Amino acid sequence: MTQERASGLQTQSVAPGVPAISGSNALVPTLAPIQVLHHAIVDMTMGGAGWSDEDGETPPGFMRPIAGGRIYVHVSPEATAEFSASTLPLLWKVARSISWPTLIVAQALLAQWATLTTSRDQAVTISLDRILDYRGLKRIRRAGEPSGWHHGHRTKDRMVVAHQISILGQLFFSAYNLRAYPDRCREKSIPRLTFHNTQFIVVTDTWGQLGLMPGETKKPYPTHIRYIPGAWMEEFAKAGLTQFGRFLSRNRSYDPYRQEWELAMSAWLTLEVFPNNAGGGRVIHRAIETILHSIGQRVDSRHPGRTRHRFELMMESMVADGYLSEWSYVADNTYSDRTWLPSWLKAKVSFRPSKSYDEYYSRRNPRRRSKQTPKNRRTDASS
């Protein structure tokens, strides 16, 4: 194997072997920082009102109360870099680039790490092609070639993934006074977590290659990275807290542009709703306006009927794709007058996790399973 360094990028004739992300139902850590990243993305897709630089005094950041404390995420080129107001335009450009593809790449990186690692401080390797496979994109196939020939993905698609990895490497998290076990909020002896300025993903090595096809860049572009989650993962491990969610393969293959509703809804269910509510056959209730806000979608004020139709189509997709076993409006959803929209937004829908999700969280929460017998099964009616 030959390799050389070019602008921090290793080019080599033989790329490191990388196993595929394991299974169609990948386990992904769903700890508080990942949940806050999800909220930060939702907020940015809706205009970024929750992001602030404190009138030019701090890097662009987002704060979310969670687990009895709060988590801040901010953009910085590196952990040791001193903040300068002159860098704000560049930092805001990075912040505004955060989008649903960022979350998909984060899921892929965390799933690969959770699958391959044997210790908390172990770095793992992944190829950008594997991430694109994870998303369900097809590799290059050329007419007339034998069926056994294998190509990678388009350079353009690889560069998009590389850009998202770069964004994740510039996100830093700080947590203050988090409860290690949020569901035991009444116990005073629960340890509290506090950590400062930890990078979401630390890339330790990058491999790349030169463009070979006509029209491709002649500069090295990344093909593989070796990485490890930041110190925030170790902080949770020290507290004895591990939390994983199941991400169905369908979640990874949603088109982030044409199927944004389904992608956002599946992420919300997997990261936040199911870990706290699934198991024991619970029926979950949520107000429609709460769901729309949680997945970053606005009402089309000129054509509200389209929003309602899109919402119902999304809920049907969640059933068809294996997230929910059923859903329905809690009350009659027929409105005769022209002012039906406010009533519809405040209305609630009920839904039940699919059998596979319910069994998964019942196994992880035996206390919840034992309490949710058919006679005393309770309903979570929070909105």
Protein backbone atom coordinates (compact mmCIF):
# COMPACT_ATOMS: atom_id res chain seq x y z
CA MET A 1 0.00 0.00 0.00
CA THR A 2 1.33 3.40 -0.91
CA GLN A 3 0.10 6.64 0.52
CA GLU A 4 1.11 10.25 0.76
CA ARG A 5 -0.26 13.32 2.50
CA ALA A 6 -1.68 16.14 0.38
CA SER A 7 -3.26 19.07 2.20
CA GLY A 8 -4.00 16.82 5.17
CA LEU A 9 -5.59 14.17 2.94
CA GLN A 10 -4.08 10.70 2.58
CA THR A 11 -4.22 9.28 -0.95
CA GLN A 12 -3.63 5.58 -1.38
CA SER A 13 -3.80 2.90 -4.02
CA VAL A 14 -5.74 0.51 -1.78
CA ALA A 15 -8.45 1.87 0.51
CA PRO A 16 -8.90 0.35 3.98
CA GLY A 17 -11.44 -2.45 4.17
CA VAL A 18 -14.72 -1.26 5.63
CA PRO A 19 -17.60 -3.56 6.56
CA ALA A 20 -21.11 -2.44 5.77
CA ILE A 21 -23.23 -0.81 8.44
CA SER A 22 -24.74 -3.81 10.15
CA GLY A 23 -28.30 -4.90 9.60
CA SER A 24 -31.40 -3.30 8.15
CA ASN A 25 -32.42 -2.05 11.61
CA ALA A 26 -29.33 -0.17 12.81
CA LEU A 27 -28.95 0.71 16.48
CA VAL A 28 -28.02 4.35 16.91
CA PRO A 29 -27.21 6.13 20.19
CA THR A 30 -30.14 8.42 21.06
CA LEU A 31 -28.57 10.32 23.96
CA ALA A 32 -29.44 13.92 24.70
CA PRO A 33 -26.85 15.53 22.35
CA ILE A 34 -28.30 13.65 19.36
CA GLN A 35 -31.78 14.78 20.36
CA VAL A 36 -30.58 18.38 20.61
CA LEU A 37 -28.91 18.10 17.20
CA HIS A 38 -32.29 17.02 15.85
CA HIS A 39 -33.97 20.07 17.42
CA ALA A 40 -31.25 22.35 16.07
CA ILE A 41 -31.83 21.03 12.55
CA VAL A 42 -35.61 21.42 12.88
CA ASP A 43 -35.15 25.00 14.07
CA MET A 44 -32.75 25.84 11.23
CA THR A 45 -35.14 24.41 8.61
CA MET A 46 -37.81 26.77 9.99
CA GLY A 47 -35.60 29.85 9.73
CA GLY A 48 -33.17 29.47 12.61
CA ALA A 49 -34.99 31.69 15.12
CA GLY A 50 -33.55 29.63 17.98
CA TRP A 51 -29.98 30.15 16.81
CA SER A 52 -28.10 33.19 18.15
CA ASP A 53 -24.65 34.74 18.36
CA GLU A 54 -25.60 36.98 21.32
CA ASP A 55 -25.23 40.17 19.28
CA GLY A 56 -21.89 39.14 17.88
CA GLU A 57 -20.37 38.08 21.19
CA THR A 58 -20.37 34.30 20.66
CA PRO A 59 -20.24 31.79 17.80
CA PRO A 60 -23.64 30.86 16.32
CA GLY A 61 -25.32 28.48 18.74
CA PHE A 62 -28.55 26.78 19.74
CA MET A 63 -29.75 25.95 23.26
CA ARG A 64 -32.28 23.32 24.29
CA PRO A 65 -33.56 22.55 27.82
CA ILE A 66 -33.45 18.78 28.27
CA ALA A 67 -33.21 16.18 31.05
CA GLY A 68 -33.57 18.80 33.77
CA GLY A 69 -30.66 20.82 32.41
CA ARG A 70 -29.67 22.34 29.11
CA ILE A 71 -27.41 21.62 26.16
CA TYR A 72 -25.76 24.17 23.91
CA VAL A 73 -24.50 23.38 20.43
CA HIS A 74 -22.35 25.92 18.62
CA VAL A 75 -20.24 26.12 15.48
CA SER A 76 -16.47 26.45 15.72
CA PRO A 77 -13.60 25.55 13.37
CA GLU A 78 -11.81 23.74 16.24
CA ALA A 79 -12.05 23.30 20.00
CA THR A 80 -9.06 25.49 20.85
CA ALA A 81 -9.88 28.31 18.45
CA GLU A 82 -10.45 31.68 20.08
CA PHE A 83 -13.64 33.32 18.94
CA SER A 84 -13.33 36.37 16.74
CA ALA A 85 -16.29 38.41 15.53
CA SER A 86 -14.60 38.59 12.10
CA THR A 87 -15.27 34.86 11.63
CA LEU A 88 -19.03 35.19 12.21
CA PRO A 89 -20.02 35.31 8.50
CA LEU A 90 -18.15 32.05 7.86
CA LEU A 91 -19.51 30.39 11.02
CA TRP A 92 -23.08 31.41 10.17
CA LYS A 93 -22.59 29.96 6.69
CA VAL A 94 -21.74 26.62 8.31
CA ALA A 95 -24.69 26.86 10.71
CA ARG A 96 -27.13 27.58 7.89
CA SER A 97 -25.81 24.56 6.00
CA ILE A 98 -27.16 22.25 8.72
CA SER A 99 -30.04 20.27 7.24
CA TRP A 100 -31.70 16.86 7.13
CA PRO A 101 -28.79 15.31 5.18
CA THR A 102 -26.61 16.32 8.15
CA LEU A 103 -28.76 14.18 10.43
CA ILE A 104 -28.67 11.21 8.03
CA VAL A 105 -24.86 11.30 7.92
CA ALA A 106 -24.73 11.63 11.73
CA GLN A 107 -26.96 8.56 12.05
CA ALA A 108 -24.72 6.60 9.67
CA LEU A 109 -21.55 7.52 11.57
CA LEU A 110 -23.05 6.68 14.97
CA ALA A 111 -24.56 3.41 13.69
CA GLN A 112 -21.20 2.32 12.24
CA TRP A 113 -19.39 3.23 15.45
CA ALA A 114 -21.95 1.44 17.65
CA THR A 115 -21.70 -1.67 15.42
CA LEU A 116 -17.91 -1.96 15.21
CA THR A 117 -16.53 -0.52 18.43
CA THR A 118 -15.48 -2.67 21.35
CA SER A 119 -14.55 0.21 23.66
CA ARG A 120 -15.63 3.81 24.14
CA ASP A 121 -12.29 5.22 23.03
CA GLN A 122 -12.00 3.18 19.83
CA ALA A 123 -12.00 4.92 16.46
CA VAL A 124 -13.63 3.15 13.52
CA THR A 125 -13.41 3.56 9.76
CA ILE A 126 -16.15 4.17 7.24
CA SER A 127 -16.17 4.90 3.53
CA LEU A 128 -18.26 7.66 2.04
CA ASP A 129 -19.64 5.05 -0.36
CA ARG A 130 -20.94 3.08 2.64
CA ILE A 131 -22.76 6.16 3.87
CA LEU A 132 -24.35 6.57 0.45
CA ASP A 133 -25.26 2.86 0.50
CA TYR A 134 -26.81 3.49 3.93
CA ARG A 135 -28.95 6.17 2.32
CA GLY A 136 -30.16 3.69 -0.28
CA LEU A 137 -28.51 5.39 -3.27
CA LYS A 138 -27.49 3.21 -6.20
CA ARG A 139 -23.85 2.89 -7.22
CA ILE A 140 -22.63 3.66 -10.73
CA ARG A 141 -23.48 1.05 -13.35
CA ARG A 142 -22.43 1.37 -16.97
CA ALA A 143 -24.12 -0.24 -19.93
CA GLY A 144 -22.37 -3.27 -21.34
CA GLU A 145 -20.31 -4.06 -18.24
CA PRO A 146 -20.45 -7.54 -16.65
CA SER A 147 -22.85 -7.81 -13.73
CA GLY A 148 -19.99 -8.64 -11.36
CA TRP A 149 -18.23 -5.33 -11.87
CA HIS A 150 -18.52 -2.91 -8.99
CA HIS A 151 -18.15 0.85 -8.99
CA GLY A 152 -18.44 3.45 -6.31
CA HIS A 153 -20.85 6.35 -6.10
CA ARG A 154 -20.71 9.55 -8.08
CA THR A 155 -18.02 12.00 -7.03
CA LYS A 156 -20.70 14.68 -6.64
CA ASP A 157 -22.58 12.55 -4.09
CA ARG A 158 -19.37 11.76 -2.22
CA MET A 159 -18.58 15.45 -1.97
CA VAL A 160 -22.01 16.13 -0.45
CA VAL A 161 -21.32 13.53 2.24
CA ALA A 162 -17.84 14.99 2.82
CA HIS A 163 -19.43 18.41 3.32
CA GLN A 164 -21.84 17.03 5.93
CA ILE A 165 -18.99 15.30 7.77
CA SER A 166 -17.14 18.61 7.79
CA ILE A 167 -20.19 20.31 9.33
CA LEU A 168 -20.48 17.65 12.05
CA GLY A 169 -16.80 18.10 12.86
CA GLN A 170 -17.43 21.80 13.49
CA LEU A 171 -20.31 21.25 15.94
CA PHE A 172 -19.41 21.47 19.64
CA PHE A 173 -21.64 20.60 22.58
CA SER A 174 -21.76 21.82 26.16
CA ALA A 175 -24.12 20.39 28.77
CA TYR A 176 -25.12 21.78 32.15
CA ASN A 177 -26.73 19.91 35.02
CA LEU A 178 -28.30 17.08 33.01
CA ARG A 179 -29.96 14.27 34.93
CA ALA A 180 -28.24 11.02 34.05
CA TYR A 181 -31.58 9.20 34.32
CA PRO A 182 -34.36 11.59 33.24
CA ASP A 183 -37.16 9.11 34.00
CA ARG A 184 -36.17 9.08 37.69
CA CYS A 185 -36.56 12.81 38.16
CA ARG A 186 -37.80 12.61 41.77
CA GLU A 187 -34.69 10.93 43.11
CA LYS A 188 -32.30 13.49 44.61
CA SER A 189 -29.25 11.20 44.41
CA ILE A 190 -29.27 10.97 40.61
CA PRO A 191 -25.88 12.09 39.21
CA ARG A 192 -25.74 15.23 37.13
CA LEU A 193 -23.76 15.59 33.93
CA THR A 194 -21.81 18.67 32.93
CA PHE A 195 -19.29 18.89 30.11
CA HIS A 196 -17.91 21.73 28.02
CA ASN A 197 -17.02 22.27 24.39
CA THR A 198 -16.87 18.67 23.18
CA GLN A 199 -16.77 17.97 19.47
CA PHE A 200 -19.65 15.92 18.07
CA ILE A 201 -17.42 13.81 15.81
CA VAL A 202 -13.61 13.77 15.83
CA VAL A 203 -12.10 12.73 12.48
CA THR A 204 -8.62 11.31 13.14
CA ASP A 205 -7.67 10.28 9.58
CA THR A 206 -8.96 10.94 6.09
CA TRP A 207 -8.15 8.96 2.95
CA GLY A 208 -8.83 10.16 -0.55
CA GLN A 209 -8.12 9.72 -4.22
CA LEU A 210 -7.64 11.79 -7.33
CA GLY A 211 -10.44 12.17 -9.82
CA LEU A 212 -9.99 9.62 -12.60
CA MET A 213 -12.95 10.20 -14.89
CA PRO A 214 -13.33 13.03 -17.41
CA GLY A 215 -14.75 16.13 -15.77
CA GLU A 216 -13.79 15.05 -12.23
CA THR A 217 -11.62 17.20 -10.02
CA LYS A 218 -7.90 16.56 -10.25
CA LYS A 219 -7.49 17.39 -6.57
CA PRO A 220 -7.74 14.66 -3.92
CA TYR A 221 -11.22 14.19 -2.56
CA PRO A 222 -12.13 12.12 0.52
CA THR A 223 -13.24 8.51 0.21
CA HIS A 224 -12.76 7.14 3.77
CA ILE A 225 -12.48 8.55 7.27
CA ARG A 226 -11.48 7.19 10.67
CA TYR A 227 -13.41 8.85 13.48
CA ILE A 228 -14.69 8.64 17.03
CA PRO A 229 -17.58 10.39 18.82
CA GLY A 230 -16.48 13.31 20.96
CA ALA A 231 -15.90 13.28 24.71
CA TRP A 232 -19.64 13.75 25.34
CA MET A 233 -20.13 10.03 24.64
CA GLU A 234 -17.59 9.12 27.31
CA GLU A 235 -19.30 11.42 29.83
CA PHE A 236 -22.55 9.53 29.44
CA ALA A 237 -20.72 6.20 29.64
CA LYS A 238 -19.08 7.20 32.93
CA ALA A 239 -22.56 7.82 34.33
CA GLY A 240 -23.56 4.31 33.27
CA LEU A 241 -26.03 5.65 30.72
CA THR A 242 -26.39 4.06 27.29
CA GLN A 243 -29.44 4.58 25.15
CA PHE A 244 -30.01 3.25 21.65
CA GLY A 245 -32.85 3.61 19.19
CA ARG A 246 -33.71 1.47 16.20
CA PHE A 247 -33.45 3.20 12.85
CA LEU A 248 -35.21 1.26 10.14
CA SER A 249 -33.56 1.09 6.75
CA ARG A 250 -36.51 3.08 5.42
CA ASN A 251 -35.51 6.06 7.54
CA ARG A 252 -32.14 6.18 5.83
CA SER A 253 -33.50 5.98 2.31
CA TYR A 254 -36.05 8.79 2.54
CA ASP A 255 -35.21 11.51 0.05
CA PRO A 256 -34.36 14.54 2.22
CA TYR A 257 -35.98 16.84 -0.33
CA ARG A 258 -39.01 14.99 -1.73
CA GLN A 259 -39.77 13.05 1.48
CA GLU A 260 -38.73 15.59 4.09
CA TRP A 261 -41.94 15.07 6.07
CA GLU A 262 -41.38 11.31 6.38
CA LEU A 263 -37.68 11.72 7.20
CA ALA A 264 -38.39 14.29 9.90
CA MET A 265 -41.27 12.30 11.39
CA SER A 266 -39.34 9.02 11.52
CA ALA A 267 -36.40 10.79 13.18
CA TRP A 268 -38.67 12.44 15.76
CA LEU A 269 -40.37 9.14 16.57
CA THR A 270 -37.10 7.24 16.87
CA LEU A 271 -35.07 9.85 18.76
CA GLU A 272 -37.65 11.23 21.17
CA VAL A 273 -41.13 9.74 21.16
CA PHE A 274 -40.42 6.01 21.22
CA PRO A 275 -37.59 5.98 23.80
CA ASN A 276 -39.87 7.77 26.28
CA ASN A 277 -43.25 6.26 25.41
CA ALA A 278 -43.00 2.96 23.52
CA GLY A 279 -43.27 -0.38 25.28
CA GLY A 280 -46.16 -2.00 27.07
CA GLY A 281 -48.63 -1.39 24.27
CA ARG A 282 -49.03 2.30 24.91
CA VAL A 283 -51.23 4.46 22.74
CA ILE A 284 -49.62 7.87 22.29
CA HIS A 285 -51.54 11.11 21.81
CA ARG A 286 -50.14 14.29 20.30
CA ALA A 287 -51.69 17.52 19.07
CA ILE A 288 -51.30 18.07 15.33
CA GLU A 289 -49.68 21.47 15.81
CA THR A 290 -47.16 19.83 18.19
CA ILE A 291 -46.25 17.26 15.56
CA LEU A 292 -45.87 19.87 12.82
CA HIS A 293 -43.62 21.97 15.04
CA SER A 294 -41.55 18.93 16.07
CA ILE A 295 -40.82 17.98 12.45
CA GLY A 296 -40.21 21.53 11.24
CA GLN A 297 -43.21 21.92 8.94
CA ARG A 298 -45.37 24.99 8.48
CA VAL A 299 -49.00 25.27 7.41
CA ASP A 300 -49.60 26.43 3.85
CA SER A 301 -51.78 29.43 4.73
CA ARG A 302 -53.06 29.82 1.18
CA HIS A 303 -53.87 26.15 0.74
CA PRO A 304 -54.28 24.65 4.23
CA GLY A 305 -56.03 21.64 2.76
CA ARG A 306 -52.75 20.64 1.15
CA THR A 307 -51.06 20.67 4.56
CA ARG A 308 -53.77 18.46 5.98
CA HIS A 309 -53.53 16.06 3.05
CA ARG A 310 -49.72 15.95 3.36
CA PHE A 311 -49.97 15.30 7.10
CA GLU A 312 -52.36 12.39 6.61
CA LEU A 313 -50.19 10.98 3.81
CA MET A 314 -47.18 11.13 6.14
CA MET A 315 -49.02 9.28 8.91
CA GLU A 316 -50.10 6.58 6.47
CA SER A 317 -46.47 6.25 5.35
CA MET A 318 -45.38 5.74 8.96
CA VAL A 319 -47.76 2.78 9.16
CA ALA A 320 -46.74 1.36 5.77
CA ASP A 321 -43.01 1.75 6.53
CA GLY A 322 -43.13 -0.05 9.88
CA TYR A 323 -42.97 2.75 12.44
CA LEU A 324 -46.60 2.71 13.54
CA SER A 325 -49.14 -0.07 13.71
CA GLU A 326 -52.06 2.35 13.44
CA TRP A 327 -53.08 5.97 13.79
CA SER A 328 -56.34 7.91 13.93
CA TYR A 329 -57.85 11.23 14.90
CA VAL A 330 -58.91 11.25 18.55
CA ALA A 331 -62.21 12.98 17.75
CA ASP A 332 -64.32 13.66 14.69
CA ASN A 333 -62.14 15.39 12.11
CA THR A 334 -64.88 16.79 9.87
CA TYR A 335 -65.17 20.57 9.78
CA SER A 336 -67.88 22.21 7.71
CA ASP A 337 -66.99 25.90 7.92
CA ARG A 338 -64.11 27.74 6.33
CA THR A 339 -62.39 28.38 9.67
CA TRP A 340 -61.60 24.71 10.28
CA LEU A 341 -57.81 25.16 10.37
CA PRO A 342 -57.39 26.34 14.01
CA SER A 343 -59.60 23.52 15.24
CA TRP A 344 -57.72 20.98 13.15
CA LEU A 345 -54.31 22.15 14.45
CA LYS A 346 -55.45 21.81 18.07
CA ALA A 347 -56.99 18.40 17.44
CA LYS A 348 -55.08 15.34 18.59
CA VAL A 349 -54.16 12.15 16.83
CA SER A 350 -53.46 8.82 18.52
CA PHE A 351 -50.90 6.34 17.30
CA ARG A 352 -49.39 3.11 18.48
CA PRO A 353 -45.78 2.04 17.81
CA SER A 354 -45.43 -0.94 15.52
CA LYS A 355 -45.11 -4.38 17.09
CA SER A 356 -41.35 -4.54 16.50
CA TYR A 357 -40.75 -1.16 18.16
CA ASP A 358 -43.07 -1.96 21.04
CA GLU A 359 -41.32 -5.28 21.71
CA TYR A 360 -37.88 -3.64 21.47
CA TYR A 361 -38.66 -0.99 24.07
CA SER A 362 -40.54 -3.46 26.27
CA ARG A 363 -37.35 -5.51 26.47
CA ARG A 364 -35.33 -2.43 27.29
CA ASN A 365 -37.83 -1.23 29.89
CA PRO A 366 -38.98 -4.31 31.87
CA ARG A 367 -40.45 -2.09 34.58
CA ARG A 368 -42.70 -0.47 32.01
CA ARG A 369 -43.69 -3.82 30.54
CA SER A 370 -44.67 -5.26 33.93
CA LYS A 371 -46.88 -2.29 34.72
CA GLN A 372 -48.63 -2.21 31.36
CA THR A 373 -50.84 -5.26 31.77
CA PRO A 374 -54.01 -5.37 29.65
CA LYS A 375 -56.18 -4.34 32.61
CA ASN A 376 -54.23 -1.31 33.71
CA ARG A 377 -52.57 -0.24 30.47
CA ARG A 378 -52.37 3.53 30.55
CA THR A 379 -52.35 6.10 27.82
CA ASP A 380 -49.83 8.89 27.50
CA ALA A 381 -51.97 11.92 26.73
CA SER A 382 -49.28 14.57 26.80
CA SER A 383 -49.23 17.08 24.01
